[in-house]
Amino acid sequence: MATKIRLQRHGRKKRAFFHIVVADSRSPRDGKFIEKLGSYNPITNPATIVLNVDRAAHWLIAGAQPTDTAAALLSYKGASMKKHLQVGVIKGAISQEEADKRFASWLEEKAARIDAKKSNLASAAEKVKTEGLAQEAKRRAAVEAKIAAKIAEAEAAANPVEESEELAAEELAAEEVATEEVAAEEVADAPAAEEVATEEAANEEVATEEAADAPAAEEAADEAPAAE
């Protein structure tokens, strides 16, 4: 009887999981089977695979042909490796102890690779979560800023008098600043004005003295011919 190792579908639509079974190659996919070897759940991340490695290796040695997917699962769990080592024991190439030792070493390396993959997946998931939170915070901040701007516009439209008062206050402050600047310029020009006023007063005194001396000069002019 030709036997196959294949997957038998279970579960509901879009949530399927599978049993790994040994069945007659003539049986329907989900029909009667000879032995159940394990299960495969692709929904989880990483996928969950449960397999009786010893029985799977036994059936492989007995000549059961796995389907492509089943062969990948058997190889992943080490059934194909165990079959290879057992064939070496049967042929006398290696001892059973050596085969068991090699298989244990292979399992350790495989477990280390699986743990590393799980760690990478966890790190990637954490990174995606962190980036998502950062983007959500930015989006929320932008929404809050828009809401604040709309509230400010509404308040400004509801209170135009306050805006006018604010503008008037700003204009008054500007005028006061300009007045202070003019006063400062006048104070700076005060010494020059005082000097001009002093010069004008001196000129007036000189003119007064000249006017006072004019009659004396005329009398001297009149006396001069009489003396001749």
Protein backbone atom coordinates (compact mmCIF):
# COMPACT_ATOMS: atom_id res chain seq x y z
CA MET A 1 0.00 0.00 0.00
CA ALA A 2 1.42 3.39 -1.04
CA THR A 3 1.38 5.82 1.87
CA LYS A 4 1.72 9.58 2.00
CA ILE A 5 2.50 12.04 4.78
CA ARG A 6 0.27 15.03 4.22
CA LEU A 7 -1.77 17.75 5.85
CA GLN A 8 -5.40 17.30 6.82
CA ARG A 9 -7.32 20.57 7.00
CA HIS A 10 -9.33 21.60 10.07
CA GLY A 11 -10.75 24.86 11.42
CA ARG A 12 -13.05 27.43 9.88
CA LYS A 13 -12.75 29.72 6.89
CA LYS A 14 -9.59 31.86 6.95
CA ARG A 15 -8.68 30.33 10.33
CA ALA A 16 -7.47 26.93 9.24
CA PHE A 17 -5.02 24.65 11.03
CA PHE A 18 -3.80 21.23 9.96
CA HIS A 19 -3.08 17.76 11.24
CA ILE A 20 0.01 16.00 9.93
CA VAL A 21 -1.11 12.47 9.12
CA VAL A 22 0.01 9.28 7.41
CA ALA A 23 -2.69 8.12 5.00
CA ASP A 24 -3.25 5.90 2.01
CA SER A 25 -2.41 7.87 -1.13
CA ARG A 26 -5.84 6.90 -2.52
CA SER A 27 -7.77 8.39 0.41
CA PRO A 28 -9.35 11.84 0.18
CA ARG A 29 -7.41 14.71 1.67
CA ASP A 30 -9.65 15.02 4.71
CA GLY A 31 -10.67 11.37 4.80
CA LYS A 32 -9.51 8.36 6.77
CA PHE A 33 -5.84 8.25 7.85
CA ILE A 34 -3.51 5.61 9.28
CA GLU A 35 -1.70 7.61 11.98
CA LYS A 36 -1.58 11.21 13.20
CA LEU A 37 2.00 12.50 13.54
CA GLY A 38 1.37 16.05 14.75
CA SER A 39 -0.24 19.38 13.94
CA TYR A 40 0.58 22.63 12.15
CA ASN A 41 -0.95 26.02 12.97
CA PRO A 42 0.11 28.77 10.53
CA ILE A 43 -2.00 31.45 12.25
CA THR A 44 0.49 32.06 15.05
CA ASN A 45 3.73 34.00 14.52
CA PRO A 46 5.96 32.08 14.27
CA ALA A 47 3.87 29.10 13.16
CA THR A 48 3.25 26.38 15.75
CA ILE A 49 4.45 22.92 14.72
CA VAL A 50 3.99 19.84 16.89
CA LEU A 51 5.51 16.61 15.52
CA ASN A 52 6.37 13.13 16.76
CA VAL A 53 9.84 13.08 15.22
CA ASP A 54 10.56 9.41 15.92
CA ARG A 55 7.34 8.18 14.28
CA ALA A 56 7.77 10.57 11.35
CA ALA A 57 11.33 9.25 10.79
CA HIS A 58 9.98 5.68 11.04
CA TRP A 59 7.44 6.31 8.29
CA LEU A 60 10.00 8.05 6.11
CA ILE A 61 12.31 5.03 6.43
CA ALA A 62 9.33 2.78 5.64
CA GLY A 63 8.88 4.60 2.32
CA ALA A 64 6.06 7.09 3.02
CA GLN A 65 6.21 10.02 0.60
CA PRO A 66 5.55 13.46 2.10
CA THR A 67 3.89 16.25 0.18
CA ASP A 68 5.94 19.41 -0.41
CA THR A 69 4.50 21.23 2.60
CA ALA A 70 4.76 18.17 4.81
CA ALA A 71 8.36 17.62 3.70
CA ALA A 72 9.24 21.19 4.69
CA LEU A 73 7.66 20.70 8.11
CA LEU A 74 9.43 17.38 8.67
CA SER A 75 12.74 18.94 7.71
CA TYR A 76 12.12 21.92 10.01
CA LYS A 77 11.43 19.68 13.01
CA GLY A 78 14.34 17.33 12.30
CA ALA A 79 12.49 14.22 11.11
CA SER A 80 14.44 14.20 7.84
CA MET A 81 17.74 14.59 9.75
CA LYS A 82 16.82 11.73 12.06
CA LYS A 83 15.92 9.55 9.10
CA HIS A 84 19.29 10.32 7.50
CA LEU A 85 21.15 9.35 10.68
CA GLN A 86 19.08 6.19 11.20
CA VAL A 87 19.81 5.06 7.65
CA GLY A 88 23.52 5.48 8.50
CA VAL A 89 23.02 3.33 11.62
CA ILE A 90 21.17 0.67 9.62
CA LYS A 91 23.98 0.56 7.07
CA GLY A 92 26.58 0.43 9.84
CA ALA A 93 28.25 3.72 8.93
CA ILE A 94 27.80 5.17 12.44
CA SER A 95 26.73 3.85 15.81
CA GLN A 96 23.39 4.61 17.44
CA GLU A 97 25.15 6.64 20.15
CA GLU A 98 26.91 8.75 17.53
CA ALA A 99 23.64 9.25 15.67
CA ASP A 100 21.87 10.34 18.86
CA LYS A 101 24.75 12.71 19.71
CA ARG A 102 24.67 14.34 16.27
CA PHE A 103 20.91 14.69 16.40
CA ALA A 104 21.03 16.33 19.86
CA SER A 105 23.67 18.80 18.58
CA TRP A 106 21.47 19.59 15.58
CA LEU A 107 18.47 20.20 17.82
CA GLU A 108 20.48 22.66 19.98
CA GLU A 109 21.58 24.65 16.94
CA LYS A 110 18.04 24.65 15.59
CA ALA A 111 16.64 25.84 18.93
CA ALA A 112 19.19 28.69 19.01
CA ARG A 113 18.14 29.81 15.52
CA ILE A 114 14.47 29.65 16.47
CA ASP A 115 15.07 31.71 19.62
CA ALA A 116 16.98 34.31 17.59
CA LYS A 117 14.12 34.51 15.11
CA LYS A 118 11.58 34.96 17.92
CA SER A 119 13.74 37.70 19.45
CA ASN A 120 13.96 39.50 16.10
CA LEU A 121 10.21 39.24 15.63
CA ALA A 122 9.62 40.65 19.12
CA SER A 123 12.03 43.52 18.47
CA ALA A 124 10.37 44.30 15.14
CA ALA A 125 6.93 44.24 16.76
CA GLU A 126 8.13 46.58 19.54
CA LYS A 127 9.65 48.95 16.98
CA VAL A 128 6.42 49.03 14.98
CA LYS A 129 4.47 49.71 18.18
CA THR A 130 6.82 52.54 19.20
CA GLU A 131 6.65 54.15 15.75
CA GLY A 132 2.89 53.83 15.77
CA LEU A 133 2.66 55.56 19.16
CA ALA A 134 4.95 58.37 17.95
CA GLN A 135 2.84 58.90 14.83
CA GLU A 136 -0.33 58.87 16.91
CA ALA A 137 1.15 61.51 19.25
CA LYS A 138 2.06 63.73 16.27
CA ARG A 139 -1.40 63.31 14.77
CA ARG A 140 -3.04 64.15 18.09
CA ALA A 141 -0.84 67.23 18.54
CA ALA A 142 -1.76 68.44 15.04
CA VAL A 143 -5.47 67.95 15.76
CA GLU A 144 -5.19 69.82 19.06
CA ALA A 145 -3.37 72.69 17.32
CA LYS A 146 -6.14 72.94 14.72
CA ILE A 147 -8.81 72.94 17.41
CA ALA A 148 -6.97 75.66 19.36
CA ALA A 149 -6.69 77.80 16.21
CA LYS A 150 -10.41 77.43 15.50
CA ILE A 151 -11.26 78.35 19.11
CA ALA A 152 -9.03 81.44 18.89
CA GLU A 153 -10.70 82.50 15.63
CA ALA A 154 -14.14 82.04 17.16
CA GLU A 155 -13.21 84.10 20.23
CA ALA A 156 -11.76 86.84 18.03
CA ALA A 157 -14.94 86.97 15.95
CA ALA A 158 -17.07 87.10 19.11
CA ASN A 159 -15.06 89.92 20.75
CA PRO A 160 -14.12 92.52 18.06
CA VAL A 161 -14.24 95.36 20.68
CA GLU A 162 -11.39 93.82 22.60
CA GLU A 163 -9.33 93.68 19.42
CA SER A 164 -10.09 97.40 18.76
CA GLU A 165 -9.02 98.27 22.29
CA GLU A 166 -5.85 96.31 21.84
CA LEU A 167 -5.10 98.14 18.56
CA ALA A 168 -5.83 101.52 20.21
CA ALA A 169 -3.53 100.65 23.09
CA GLU A 170 -0.80 99.69 20.66
CA GLU A 171 -1.23 102.98 18.72
CA LEU A 172 -1.16 105.00 21.98
CA ALA A 173 1.99 103.25 23.04
CA ALA A 174 3.56 104.03 19.66
CA GLU A 175 2.61 107.73 19.98
CA GLU A 176 4.09 107.91 23.48
CA VAL A 177 7.31 106.41 22.19
CA ALA A 178 7.42 108.99 19.35
CA THR A 179 6.75 111.87 21.84
CA GLU A 180 9.55 110.66 24.08
CA GLU A 181 11.92 110.56 21.10
CA VAL A 182 11.00 114.19 20.14
CA ALA A 183 11.52 115.35 23.73
CA ALA A 184 14.88 113.65 23.80
CA GLU A 185 15.87 115.44 20.57
CA GLU A 186 14.78 118.81 22.01
CA VAL A 187 16.81 118.22 25.15
CA ALA A 188 19.80 117.36 22.99
CA ASP A 189 19.35 120.65 20.99
CA ALA A 190 18.93 122.88 24.13
CA PRO A 191 22.66 123.78 24.56
CA ALA A 192 22.88 125.04 20.96
CA ALA A 193 19.79 127.26 21.46
CA GLU A 194 21.29 128.73 24.63
CA GLU A 195 24.54 129.55 22.77
CA VAL A 196 22.54 131.37 20.02
CA ALA A 197 20.58 133.37 22.63
CA THR A 198 23.84 134.38 24.34
CA GLU A 199 25.33 135.56 21.06
CA GLU A 200 22.20 137.62 20.30
CA ALA A 201 22.34 139.28 23.77
CA ALA A 202 26.00 140.21 23.27
CA ASN A 203 25.21 141.78 19.90
CA GLU A 204 22.41 143.85 21.45
CA GLU A 205 24.79 145.16 24.18
CA VAL A 206 27.33 146.19 21.51
CA ALA A 207 24.61 148.02 19.56
CA THR A 208 23.48 149.86 22.72
CA GLU A 209 27.01 151.00 23.51
CA GLU A 210 27.46 152.29 19.94
CA ALA A 211 24.17 154.23 20.19
CA ALA A 212 25.28 155.80 23.45
CA ASP A 213 28.60 156.89 22.00
CA ALA A 214 27.01 158.50 18.88
CA PRO A 215 26.07 161.99 20.52
CA ALA A 216 29.56 162.34 21.93
CA ALA A 217 31.01 161.78 18.50
CA GLU A 218 28.69 164.42 17.00
CA GLU A 219 29.65 167.03 19.68
CA ALA A 220 33.31 166.44 18.97
CA ALA A 221 32.65 167.02 15.27
CA ASP A 222 30.89 170.37 16.01
CA GLU A 223 33.69 171.65 18.25
CA ALA A 224 36.37 170.96 15.70
CA PRO A 225 35.53 173.93 13.30
CA ALA A 226 35.12 176.34 16.19
CA ALA A 227 38.62 175.67 17.28
CA GLU A 228 39.94 176.57 13.83
